[in-house]
Amino acid sequence: MNKENIILTKSFDFALQIIELYKEMKAQNEYVLSKQVLRSGTSIGANVEEATAAISKKDFTAKMSISSKEARETRYWLKLIDRSNLVNVNVKSHLNDVEQLINILTAIVKTSQNN
């Protein structure tokens, strides 16, 4: 039986949520910030997926570090969307979810650097 990879699952589910947010923002004619959050929000999981096929510990740590950076960038865009009032969307749950991802990714990177 395969053990579930929590960061893979959470980052994939988060990407799906970001795609829905993107569609909601596009429907309100917001194209710049929506594209930014789409790119960074879906990149988190893409880099986690790449890390699972890393050829070395250094490669794994590098991919997870990139994923962590993308999560932080996504947090920035979500805060900007939240406070700018450019569109009428609620991003509070997305902000909570990205904080969880940042915490998990930070722990993974620190652990892989220390081992």
Protein backbone atom coordinates (compact mmCIF):
# COMPACT_ATOMS: atom_id res chain seq x y z
CA MET A 1 0.00 0.00 0.00
CA ASN A 2 1.40 3.42 -0.99
CA LYS A 3 1.56 6.03 1.71
CA GLU A 4 -0.06 9.30 0.66
CA ASN A 5 2.39 12.10 -0.07
CA ILE A 6 0.75 14.99 1.77
CA ILE A 7 2.65 17.80 0.06
CA LEU A 8 1.90 16.35 -3.38
CA THR A 9 -1.81 16.10 -2.57
CA LYS A 10 -2.07 19.51 -0.91
CA SER A 11 -0.15 21.33 -3.64
CA PHE A 12 -2.22 19.68 -6.38
CA ASP A 13 -5.51 20.50 -4.63
CA PHE A 14 -4.29 24.06 -4.10
CA ALA A 15 -3.50 24.38 -7.83
CA LEU A 16 -7.06 23.34 -8.64
CA GLN A 17 -8.38 26.02 -6.27
CA ILE A 18 -6.13 28.62 -7.90
CA ILE A 19 -7.44 27.66 -11.35
CA GLU A 20 -10.99 28.29 -10.08
CA LEU A 21 -9.90 31.64 -8.62
CA TYR A 22 -8.29 32.53 -11.95
CA LYS A 23 -11.53 31.78 -13.81
CA GLU A 24 -13.52 33.84 -11.32
CA MET A 25 -11.15 36.80 -11.69
CA LYS A 26 -11.15 36.57 -15.50
CA ALA A 27 -14.94 36.64 -15.44
CA GLN A 28 -14.59 40.00 -13.67
CA ASN A 29 -12.19 41.22 -16.39
CA GLU A 30 -9.06 41.10 -14.24
CA TYR A 31 -6.28 39.64 -16.36
CA VAL A 32 -2.95 40.74 -14.87
CA LEU A 33 -3.07 39.64 -11.23
CA SER A 34 -5.14 36.60 -12.14
CA LYS A 35 -2.40 35.40 -14.51
CA GLN A 36 0.31 36.05 -11.90
CA VAL A 37 -1.45 34.04 -9.20
CA LEU A 38 -2.26 31.29 -11.70
CA ARG A 39 1.39 30.92 -12.69
CA SER A 40 2.86 30.93 -9.20
CA GLY A 41 0.01 28.97 -7.58
CA THR A 42 0.19 26.10 -10.04
CA SER A 43 3.99 26.12 -10.09
CA ILE A 44 4.11 25.05 -6.43
CA GLY A 45 2.80 21.58 -7.20
CA ALA A 46 4.72 21.30 -10.45
CA ASN A 47 8.00 21.72 -8.59
CA VAL A 48 6.92 19.32 -5.84
CA GLU A 49 6.13 16.78 -8.56
CA GLU A 50 9.56 17.31 -10.10
CA ALA A 51 11.19 16.88 -6.68
CA THR A 52 9.69 13.41 -6.36
CA ALA A 53 11.83 12.37 -9.32
CA ALA A 54 14.99 14.08 -8.10
CA ILE A 55 18.26 12.40 -9.04
CA SER A 56 20.02 13.48 -5.86
CA LYS A 57 19.34 14.94 -2.44
CA LYS A 58 20.69 18.29 -3.68
CA ASP A 59 18.28 18.18 -6.64
CA PHE A 60 15.37 17.32 -4.31
CA THR A 61 16.22 20.20 -1.96
CA ALA A 62 16.57 22.64 -4.87
CA LYS A 63 13.15 21.72 -6.32
CA MET A 64 11.46 21.93 -2.92
CA SER A 65 13.15 25.30 -2.34
CA ILE A 66 11.77 26.58 -5.63
CA SER A 67 8.34 25.30 -4.63
CA SER A 68 8.64 27.17 -1.33
CA LYS A 69 9.57 30.36 -3.16
CA GLU A 70 6.59 29.96 -5.50
CA ALA A 71 4.32 29.51 -2.47
CA ARG A 72 5.64 32.75 -0.98
CA GLU A 73 5.12 34.55 -4.29
CA THR A 74 1.58 33.19 -4.43
CA ARG A 75 0.96 34.51 -0.91
CA TYR A 76 2.09 37.94 -2.11
CA TRP A 77 -0.31 37.92 -5.09
CA LEU A 78 -3.19 36.70 -2.92
CA LYS A 79 -2.59 39.49 -0.39
CA LEU A 80 -2.50 42.00 -3.23
CA ILE A 81 -5.76 40.64 -4.66
CA ASP A 82 -7.33 40.72 -1.21
CA ARG A 83 -6.39 44.30 -0.39
CA SER A 84 -6.54 45.95 -3.81
CA ASN A 85 -10.31 45.58 -4.30
CA LEU A 86 -9.78 45.16 -8.04
CA VAL A 87 -12.15 42.21 -8.04
CA ASN A 88 -14.87 40.88 -5.80
CA VAL A 89 -13.37 37.56 -4.67
CA ASN A 90 -12.72 36.06 -1.27
CA VAL A 91 -9.18 34.75 -0.99
CA LYS A 92 -9.06 34.16 2.79
CA SER A 93 -9.20 30.36 2.45
CA HIS A 94 -6.50 30.50 -0.26
CA LEU A 95 -4.29 32.53 2.07
CA ASN A 96 -4.77 29.95 4.81
CA ASP A 97 -3.99 27.10 2.43
CA VAL A 98 -0.85 28.74 1.07
CA GLU A 99 0.38 29.37 4.63
CA GLN A 100 0.02 25.64 5.31
CA LEU A 101 1.96 24.86 2.14
CA ILE A 102 4.71 27.32 3.11
CA ASN A 103 5.01 25.73 6.55
CA ILE A 104 5.20 22.19 5.16
CA LEU A 105 7.66 23.15 2.42
CA THR A 106 9.87 25.06 4.86
CA ALA A 107 10.00 21.99 7.12
CA ILE A 108 10.83 19.72 4.17
CA VAL A 109 13.63 22.00 2.95
CA LYS A 110 15.14 22.40 6.43
CA THR A 111 14.98 18.67 7.08
CA SER A 112 16.53 17.78 3.72
CA GLN A 113 19.33 20.33 4.25
CA ASN A 114 20.11 18.95 7.72
CA ASN A 115 20.15 15.26 6.77
